[in-house]
Amino acid sequence: MTRRRAHERYQCEISVRLVHEGRELHAVSENLSLGGMLLRSDVSLPLAAEVKVQFDVPSSGITVETDAVVRWHKPSGFGVQFMSLRAREVWALNRWFTKLSAVEQSI
């Protein structure tokens, strides 16, 4: 039985600010979905670590600021699951994902 993802992933590199236990960290996204993102960083966070995530949605003027939890690690980075996206953040991300899909289809 194959497990389907709840949200489609989009390849993208976005600068991301994380706050974990009062420490500010920086990372770059490798992919992004409405459910979370894969991040590359020099710093590794423990599984189940709670973090605050902040990044700008390209071409939207909207900044996503949400709580997230580290769900898995791989050699190149770690994955976080978003806990509480607001409606305007979901709207901005969906709009940007539509633009990304159009670009991918035209290639």
C-alpha atoms as a PDB file:
ATOM      1  CA  MET A   1       0.000   0.000   0.000  1.00  0.00           C
ATOM      2  CA  THR A   2       1.455   3.372  -1.000  1.00  0.00           C
ATOM      3  CA  ARG A   3       1.004   6.394   1.196  1.00  0.00           C
ATOM      4  CA  ARG A   4      -0.234   9.515  -0.561  1.00  0.00           C
ATOM      5  CA  ARG A   5       0.878  12.922   0.541  1.00  0.00           C
ATOM      6  CA  ALA A   6      -1.818  15.250   1.802  1.00  0.00           C
ATOM      7  CA  HIS A   7      -0.238  18.212  -0.046  1.00  0.00           C
ATOM      8  CA  GLU A   8       1.705  18.499  -3.294  1.00  0.00           C
ATOM      9  CA  ARG A   9       5.334  19.592  -2.890  1.00  0.00           C
ATOM     10  CA  TYR A  10       6.943  22.366  -4.916  1.00  0.00           C
ATOM     11  CA  GLN A  11      10.702  22.676  -5.427  1.00  0.00           C
ATOM     12  CA  CYS A  12      11.877  26.124  -4.341  1.00  0.00           C
ATOM     13  CA  GLU A  13      14.687  27.934  -2.595  1.00  0.00           C
ATOM     14  CA  ILE A  14      13.410  30.444  -0.064  1.00  0.00           C
ATOM     15  CA  SER A  15      15.316  32.009   2.812  1.00  0.00           C
ATOM     16  CA  VAL A  16      13.723  30.865   6.084  1.00  0.00           C
ATOM     17  CA  ARG A  17      14.125  32.206   9.622  1.00  0.00           C
ATOM     18  CA  LEU A  18      13.610  29.752  12.484  1.00  0.00           C
ATOM     19  CA  VAL A  19      13.429  30.368  16.208  1.00  0.00           C
ATOM     20  CA  HIS A  20      14.109  27.407  18.496  1.00  0.00           C
ATOM     21  CA  GLU A  21      14.381  27.813  22.272  1.00  0.00           C
ATOM     22  CA  GLY A  22      15.082  31.528  21.860  1.00  0.00           C
ATOM     23  CA  ARG A  23      17.844  30.996  19.261  1.00  0.00           C
ATOM     24  CA  GLU A  24      17.429  32.449  15.792  1.00  0.00           C
ATOM     25  CA  LEU A  25      18.539  30.117  13.005  1.00  0.00           C
ATOM     26  CA  HIS A  26      18.615  30.470   9.241  1.00  0.00           C
ATOM     27  CA  ALA A  27      17.837  27.867   6.607  1.00  0.00           C
ATOM     28  CA  VAL A  28      16.952  27.573   2.926  1.00  0.00           C
ATOM     29  CA  SER A  29      13.956  25.613   1.700  1.00  0.00           C
ATOM     30  CA  GLU A  30      14.427  22.728  -0.692  1.00  0.00           C
ATOM     31  CA  ASN A  31      10.715  22.131  -1.171  1.00  0.00           C
ATOM     32  CA  LEU A  32       7.478  23.504   0.209  1.00  0.00           C
ATOM     33  CA  SER A  33       3.841  22.464   0.554  1.00  0.00           C
ATOM     34  CA  LEU A  34       0.830  23.598   2.541  1.00  0.00           C
ATOM     35  CA  GLY A  35       1.796  20.961   5.106  1.00  0.00           C
ATOM     36  CA  GLY A  36       5.430  21.887   5.664  1.00  0.00           C
ATOM     37  CA  MET A  37       8.865  22.201   4.114  1.00  0.00           C
ATOM     38  CA  LEU A  38      12.242  20.531   3.698  1.00  0.00           C
ATOM     39  CA  LEU A  39      15.035  22.786   4.956  1.00  0.00           C
ATOM     40  CA  ARG A  40      18.808  22.868   4.448  1.00  0.00           C
ATOM     41  CA  SER A  41      20.779  24.332   7.334  1.00  0.00           C
ATOM     42  CA  ASP A  42      24.148  24.113   9.049  1.00  0.00           C
ATOM     43  CA  VAL A  43      22.226  23.464  12.270  1.00  0.00           C
ATOM     44  CA  SER A  44      20.359  20.237  12.971  1.00  0.00           C
ATOM     45  CA  LEU A  45      17.328  20.270  15.237  1.00  0.00           C
ATOM     46  CA  PRO A  46      16.091  17.268  17.224  1.00  0.00           C
ATOM     47  CA  LEU A  47      13.025  15.311  16.160  1.00  0.00           C
ATOM     48  CA  ALA A  48       9.821  16.762  17.632  1.00  0.00           C
ATOM     49  CA  ALA A  49      11.513  20.132  18.243  1.00  0.00           C
ATOM     50  CA  GLU A  50       8.990  22.967  18.199  1.00  0.00           C
ATOM     51  CA  VAL A  51      10.079  25.956  16.119  1.00  0.00           C
ATOM     52  CA  LYS A  52       8.692  29.215  14.837  1.00  0.00           C
ATOM     53  CA  VAL A  53       9.059  29.524  11.061  1.00  0.00           C
ATOM     54  CA  GLN A  54       9.063  32.764   9.083  1.00  0.00           C
ATOM     55  CA  PHE A  55       9.487  33.288   5.328  1.00  0.00           C
ATOM     56  CA  ASP A  56       8.228  35.569   2.579  1.00  0.00           C
ATOM     57  CA  VAL A  57       5.961  34.102  -0.089  1.00  0.00           C
ATOM     58  CA  PRO A  58       7.556  35.295  -3.364  1.00  0.00           C
ATOM     59  CA  SER A  59       5.664  37.912  -5.384  1.00  0.00           C
ATOM     60  CA  SER A  60       2.925  38.258  -2.762  1.00  0.00           C
ATOM     61  CA  GLY A  61       3.994  40.723  -0.086  1.00  0.00           C
ATOM     62  CA  ILE A  62       2.870  38.129   2.492  1.00  0.00           C
ATOM     63  CA  THR A  63       5.103  36.724   5.216  1.00  0.00           C
ATOM     64  CA  VAL A  64       4.273  33.306   6.623  1.00  0.00           C
ATOM     65  CA  GLU A  65       4.781  33.163  10.386  1.00  0.00           C
ATOM     66  CA  THR A  66       3.743  29.856  11.920  1.00  0.00           C
ATOM     67  CA  ASP A  67       4.585  27.241  14.495  1.00  0.00           C
ATOM     68  CA  ALA A  68       6.097  24.023  13.164  1.00  0.00           C
ATOM     69  CA  VAL A  69       7.477  20.711  14.417  1.00  0.00           C
ATOM     70  CA  VAL A  70      10.566  18.863  13.153  1.00  0.00           C
ATOM     71  CA  ARG A  71       9.221  15.550  11.834  1.00  0.00           C
ATOM     72  CA  TRP A  72      12.246  13.927  10.138  1.00  0.00           C
ATOM     73  CA  HIS A  73      15.926  14.253   9.229  1.00  0.00           C
ATOM     74  CA  LYS A  74      17.966  13.337   6.194  1.00  0.00           C
ATOM     75  CA  PRO A  75      21.662  14.014   5.522  1.00  0.00           C
ATOM     76  CA  SER A  76      20.982  17.241   3.640  1.00  0.00           C
ATOM     77  CA  GLY A  77      18.460  18.725   6.056  1.00  0.00           C
ATOM     78  CA  PHE A  78      15.255  18.267   8.016  1.00  0.00           C
ATOM     79  CA  GLY A  79      11.524  18.425   7.443  1.00  0.00           C
ATOM     80  CA  VAL A  80       9.090  20.554   9.418  1.00  0.00           C
ATOM     81  CA  GLN A  81       5.327  20.258   9.583  1.00  0.00           C
ATOM     82  CA  PHE A  82       3.336  23.490   9.804  1.00  0.00           C
ATOM     83  CA  MET A  83       0.900  23.574  12.710  1.00  0.00           C
ATOM     84  CA  SER A  84      -1.305  26.598  12.019  1.00  0.00           C
ATOM     85  CA  LEU A  85      -1.231  28.450   8.697  1.00  0.00           C
ATOM     86  CA  ARG A  86      -3.625  31.401   8.552  1.00  0.00           C
ATOM     87  CA  ALA A  87      -6.123  31.772   5.709  1.00  0.00           C
ATOM     88  CA  ARG A  88      -4.185  34.611   4.031  1.00  0.00           C
ATOM     89  CA  GLU A  89      -0.989  32.523   4.146  1.00  0.00           C
ATOM     90  CA  VAL A  90      -2.755  29.551   2.533  1.00  0.00           C
ATOM     91  CA  TRP A  91      -4.202  31.896  -0.120  1.00  0.00           C
ATOM     92  CA  ALA A  92      -0.764  33.415  -0.887  1.00  0.00           C
ATOM     93  CA  LEU A  93       0.926  30.006  -1.046  1.00  0.00           C
ATOM     94  CA  ASN A  94      -1.758  28.526  -3.318  1.00  0.00           C
ATOM     95  CA  ARG A  95      -1.495  31.528  -5.626  1.00  0.00           C
ATOM     96  CA  TRP A  96       2.293  31.156  -5.803  1.00  0.00           C
ATOM     97  CA  PHE A  97       2.035  27.369  -6.313  1.00  0.00           C
ATOM     98  CA  THR A  98      -0.263  28.031  -9.289  1.00  0.00           C
ATOM     99  CA  LYS A  99       2.423  30.280 -10.802  1.00  0.00           C
ATOM    100  CA  LEU A 100       5.105  27.637 -10.182  1.00  0.00           C
ATOM    101  CA  SER A 101       2.965  24.958 -11.846  1.00  0.00           C
ATOM    102  CA  ALA A 102       2.421  27.168 -14.895  1.00  0.00           C
ATOM    103  CA  VAL A 103       6.175  27.737 -15.239  1.00  0.00           C
ATOM    104  CA  GLU A 104       6.924  23.996 -14.881  1.00  0.00           C
ATOM    105  CA  GLN A 105       4.334  23.119 -17.536  1.00  0.00           C
ATOM    106  CA  SER A 106       5.779  25.646 -19.988  1.00  0.00           C
ATOM    107  CA  ILE A 107       9.278  24.124 -19.763  1.00  0.00           C
END
